Amino acid sequence: MLDEGYLIAPGALFHATRQPCTLMRINFGNTQEPAFWRTWKKVVKTG
């Protein structure tokens, strides 16, 4: 998503133990923008 101007990070970077996990950290300020969700759907589809 960085190519589209959005930075996301693995949740483990923000967890006290930094153990691998399936969580994702997303800036919720960006989630108010419809463009974010269009990009998210595109990235998830192409996996």
PDB file of N, CA and C in Angstrom:
ATOM      1  N   MET A   1       0.816  -1.188   0.000  1.00  0.00           N
ATOM      2  CA  MET A   1       0.000   0.000   0.000  1.00  0.00           C
ATOM      3  C   MET A   1       0.866   1.261   0.000  1.00  0.00           C
ATOM      4  N   LEU A   2       2.125   1.098   0.290  1.00  0.00           N
ATOM      5  CA  LEU A   2       3.019   2.257   0.317  1.00  0.00           C
ATOM      6  C   LEU A   2       3.073   2.946  -1.051  1.00  0.00           C
ATOM      7  N   ASP A   3       3.022   2.169  -2.123  1.00  0.00           N
ATOM      8  CA  ASP A   3       3.027   2.758  -3.465  1.00  0.00           C
ATOM      9  C   ASP A   3       1.821   3.655  -3.694  1.00  0.00           C
ATOM     10  N   GLU A   4       0.754   3.425  -2.953  1.00  0.00           N
ATOM     11  CA  GLU A   4      -0.469   4.225  -3.070  1.00  0.00           C
ATOM     12  C   GLU A   4      -0.522   5.359  -2.039  1.00  0.00           C
ATOM     13  N   GLY A   5       0.519   5.472  -1.200  1.00  0.00           N
ATOM     14  CA  GLY A   5       0.590   6.560  -0.237  1.00  0.00           C
ATOM     15  C   GLY A   5       0.117   6.222   1.165  1.00  0.00           C
ATOM     16  N   TYR A   6      -0.052   4.919   1.456  1.00  0.00           N
ATOM     17  CA  TYR A   6      -0.511   4.492   2.781  1.00  0.00           C
ATOM     18  C   TYR A   6       0.537   3.588   3.414  1.00  0.00           C
ATOM     19  N   LEU A   7       0.811   3.825   4.671  1.00  0.00           N
ATOM     20  CA  LEU A   7       1.768   3.010   5.406  1.00  0.00           C
ATOM     21  C   LEU A   7       1.004   2.153   6.402  1.00  0.00           C
ATOM     22  N   ILE A   8       1.190   0.845   6.301  1.00  0.00           N
ATOM     23  CA  ILE A   8       0.627  -0.086   7.280  1.00  0.00           C
ATOM     24  C   ILE A   8       1.790  -0.880   7.857  1.00  0.00           C
ATOM     25  N   ALA A   9       1.605  -1.472   9.011  1.00  0.00           N
ATOM     26  CA  ALA A   9       2.693  -2.191   9.660  1.00  0.00           C
ATOM     27  C   ALA A   9       2.151  -3.404  10.392  1.00  0.00           C
ATOM     28  N   PRO A  10       2.972  -4.437  10.525  1.00  0.00           N
ATOM     29  CA  PRO A  10       2.557  -5.591  11.319  1.00  0.00           C
ATOM     30  C   PRO A  10       2.280  -5.165  12.758  1.00  0.00           C
ATOM     31  N   GLY A  11       1.221  -5.688  13.326  1.00  0.00           N
ATOM     32  CA  GLY A  11       0.850  -5.332  14.693  1.00  0.00           C
ATOM     33  C   GLY A  11       1.914  -5.672  15.714  1.00  0.00           C
ATOM     34  N   ALA A  12       2.750  -6.682  15.412  1.00  0.00           N
ATOM     35  CA  ALA A  12       3.789  -7.095  16.353  1.00  0.00           C
ATOM     36  C   ALA A  12       4.759  -5.959  16.664  1.00  0.00           C
ATOM     37  N   LEU A  13       4.935  -5.027  15.735  1.00  0.00           N
ATOM     38  CA  LEU A  13       5.840  -3.902  15.991  1.00  0.00           C
ATOM     39  C   LEU A  13       5.353  -3.031  17.140  1.00  0.00           C
ATOM     40  N   PHE A  14       4.065  -3.078  17.434  1.00  0.00           N
ATOM     41  CA  PHE A  14       3.482  -2.222  18.463  1.00  0.00           C
ATOM     42  C   PHE A  14       3.033  -3.006  19.695  1.00  0.00           C
ATOM     43  N   HIS A  15       3.333  -4.287  19.717  1.00  0.00           N
ATOM     44  CA  HIS A  15       2.957  -5.142  20.850  1.00  0.00           C
ATOM     45  C   HIS A  15       4.146  -5.244  21.800  1.00  0.00           C
ATOM     46  N   ALA A  16       3.873  -5.308  23.073  1.00  0.00           N
ATOM     47  CA  ALA A  16       4.946  -5.321  24.079  1.00  0.00           C
ATOM     48  C   ALA A  16       5.914  -6.487  23.888  1.00  0.00           C
ATOM     49  N   THR A  17       5.426  -7.656  23.490  1.00  0.00           N
ATOM     50  CA  THR A  17       6.302  -8.826  23.344  1.00  0.00           C
ATOM     51  C   THR A  17       6.929  -8.941  21.959  1.00  0.00           C
ATOM     52  N   ARG A  18       6.396  -8.192  20.996  1.00  0.00           N
ATOM     53  CA  ARG A  18       6.883  -8.215  19.611  1.00  0.00           C
ATOM     54  C   ARG A  18       6.916  -9.615  19.010  1.00  0.00           C
ATOM     55  N   GLN A  19       6.028 -10.476  19.448  1.00  0.00           N
ATOM     56  CA  GLN A  19       5.925 -11.818  18.897  1.00  0.00           C
ATOM     57  C   GLN A  19       5.142 -11.773  17.588  1.00  0.00           C
ATOM     58  N   PRO A  20       5.461 -12.656  16.645  1.00  0.00           N
ATOM     59  CA  PRO A  20       4.705 -12.690  15.392  1.00  0.00           C
ATOM     60  C   PRO A  20       3.208 -12.881  15.664  1.00  0.00           C
ATOM     61  N   CYS A  21       2.385 -12.202  14.891  1.00  0.00           N
ATOM     62  CA  CYS A  21       0.937 -12.312  15.061  1.00  0.00           C
ATOM     63  C   CYS A  21       0.243 -11.975  13.751  1.00  0.00           C
ATOM     64  N   THR A  22      -1.044 -12.131  13.726  1.00  0.00           N
ATOM     65  CA  THR A  22      -1.817 -11.859  12.510  1.00  0.00           C
ATOM     66  C   THR A  22      -2.431 -10.469  12.514  1.00  0.00           C
ATOM     67  N   LEU A  23      -2.085  -9.639  13.475  1.00  0.00           N
ATOM     68  CA  LEU A  23      -2.658  -8.302  13.583  1.00  0.00           C
ATOM     69  C   LEU A  23      -1.970  -7.323  12.630  1.00  0.00           C
ATOM     70  N   MET A  24      -2.688  -6.276  12.256  1.00  0.00           N
ATOM     71  CA  MET A  24      -2.160  -5.240  11.378  1.00  0.00           C
ATOM     72  C   MET A  24      -2.456  -3.887  12.006  1.00  0.00           C
ATOM     73  N   ARG A  25      -1.519  -2.969  11.955  1.00  0.00           N
ATOM     74  CA  ARG A  25      -1.719  -1.617  12.484  1.00  0.00           C
ATOM     75  C   ARG A  25      -2.042  -0.686  11.326  1.00  0.00           C
ATOM     76  N   ILE A  26      -3.172  -0.004  11.435  1.00  0.00           N
ATOM     77  CA  ILE A  26      -3.630   0.925  10.412  1.00  0.00           C
ATOM     78  C   ILE A  26      -3.970   2.240  11.097  1.00  0.00           C
ATOM     79  N   ASN A  27      -3.554   3.358  10.521  1.00  0.00           N
ATOM     80  CA  ASN A  27      -3.902   4.667  11.044  1.00  0.00           C
ATOM     81  C   ASN A  27      -5.380   4.922  10.749  1.00  0.00           C
ATOM     82  N   PHE A  28      -6.200   4.978  11.778  1.00  0.00           N
ATOM     83  CA  PHE A  28      -7.631   5.110  11.568  1.00  0.00           C
ATOM     84  C   PHE A  28      -8.040   6.490  11.050  1.00  0.00           C
ATOM     85  N   GLY A  29      -7.150   7.431  11.068  1.00  0.00           N
ATOM     86  CA  GLY A  29      -7.432   8.711  10.422  1.00  0.00           C
ATOM     87  C   GLY A  29      -7.591   8.526   8.915  1.00  0.00           C
ATOM     88  N   ASN A  30      -6.831   7.590   8.352  1.00  0.00           N
ATOM     89  CA  ASN A  30      -6.920   7.304   6.916  1.00  0.00           C
ATOM     90  C   ASN A  30      -8.194   6.562   6.551  1.00  0.00           C
ATOM     91  N   THR A  31      -8.765   5.835   7.497  1.00  0.00           N
ATOM     92  CA  THR A  31      -9.921   5.000   7.164  1.00  0.00           C
ATOM     93  C   THR A  31     -11.180   5.824   6.909  1.00  0.00           C
ATOM     94  N   GLN A  32     -11.130   7.113   7.156  1.00  0.00           N
ATOM     95  CA  GLN A  32     -12.266   7.973   6.858  1.00  0.00           C
ATOM     96  C   GLN A  32     -12.310   8.353   5.384  1.00  0.00           C
ATOM     97  N   GLU A  33     -11.229   8.093   4.671  1.00  0.00           N
ATOM     98  CA  GLU A  33     -11.130   8.444   3.266  1.00  0.00           C
ATOM     99  C   GLU A  33     -11.606   7.279   2.394  1.00  0.00           C
ATOM    100  N   PRO A  34     -12.586   7.485   1.519  1.00  0.00           N
ATOM    101  CA  PRO A  34     -13.016   6.411   0.623  1.00  0.00           C
ATOM    102  C   PRO A  34     -11.869   5.856  -0.236  1.00  0.00           C
ATOM    103  N   ALA A  35     -10.901   6.708  -0.577  1.00  0.00           N
ATOM    104  CA  ALA A  35      -9.770   6.254  -1.391  1.00  0.00           C
ATOM    105  C   ALA A  35      -8.963   5.175  -0.663  1.00  0.00           C
ATOM    106  N   PHE A  36      -8.879   5.268   0.652  1.00  0.00           N
ATOM    107  CA  PHE A  36      -8.165   4.248   1.425  1.00  0.00           C
ATOM    108  C   PHE A  36      -8.812   2.887   1.212  1.00  0.00           C
ATOM    109  N   TRP A  37     -10.135   2.825   1.317  1.00  0.00           N
ATOM    110  CA  TRP A  37     -10.841   1.545   1.204  1.00  0.00           C
ATOM    111  C   TRP A  37     -10.787   1.001  -0.219  1.00  0.00           C
ATOM    112  N   ARG A  38     -10.768   1.857  -1.217  1.00  0.00           N
ATOM    113  CA  ARG A  38     -10.599   1.382  -2.596  1.00  0.00           C
ATOM    114  C   ARG A  38      -9.221   0.738  -2.755  1.00  0.00           C
ATOM    115  N   THR A  39      -8.210   1.388  -2.203  1.00  0.00           N
ATOM    116  CA  THR A  39      -6.852   0.847  -2.267  1.00  0.00           C
ATOM    117  C   THR A  39      -6.759  -0.446  -1.477  1.00  0.00           C
ATOM    118  N   TRP A  40      -7.342  -0.485  -0.300  1.00  0.00           N
ATOM    119  CA  TRP A  40      -7.320  -1.680   0.551  1.00  0.00           C
ATOM    120  C   TRP A  40      -7.929  -2.872  -0.200  1.00  0.00           C
ATOM    121  N   LYS A  41      -9.092  -2.667  -0.811  1.00  0.00           N
ATOM    122  CA  LYS A  41      -9.747  -3.748  -1.538  1.00  0.00           C
ATOM    123  C   LYS A  41      -8.887  -4.243  -2.702  1.00  0.00           C
ATOM    124  N   LYS A  42      -8.245  -3.306  -3.392  1.00  0.00           N
ATOM    125  CA  LYS A  42      -7.383  -3.666  -4.521  1.00  0.00           C
ATOM    126  C   LYS A  42      -6.196  -4.506  -4.041  1.00  0.00           C
ATOM    127  N   VAL A  43      -5.580  -4.101  -2.942  1.00  0.00           N
ATOM    128  CA  VAL A  43      -4.417  -4.823  -2.414  1.00  0.00           C
ATOM    129  C   VAL A  43      -4.820  -6.192  -1.889  1.00  0.00           C
ATOM    130  N   VAL A  44      -5.934  -6.285  -1.219  1.00  0.00           N
ATOM    131  CA  VAL A  44      -6.384  -7.567  -0.682  1.00  0.00           C
ATOM    132  C   VAL A  44      -6.700  -8.541  -1.816  1.00  0.00           C
ATOM    133  N   LYS A  45      -7.315  -8.059  -2.881  1.00  0.00           N
ATOM    134  CA  LYS A  45      -7.642  -8.908  -4.027  1.00  0.00           C
ATOM    135  C   LYS A  45      -6.387  -9.475  -4.689  1.00  0.00           C
ATOM    136  N   THR A  46      -5.369  -8.632  -4.839  1.00  0.00           N
ATOM    137  CA  THR A  46      -4.167  -9.061  -5.542  1.00  0.00           C
ATOM    138  C   THR A  46      -3.212  -9.827  -4.642  1.00  0.00           C
ATOM    139  N   GLY A  47      -3.466  -9.724  -3.309  1.00  0.00           N
ATOM    140  CA  GLY A  47      -2.713 -10.446  -2.294  1.00  0.00           C
ATOM    141  C   GLY A  47      -1.279 -10.481  -2.498  1.00  0.00           C
TER     142      GLY A  47
END
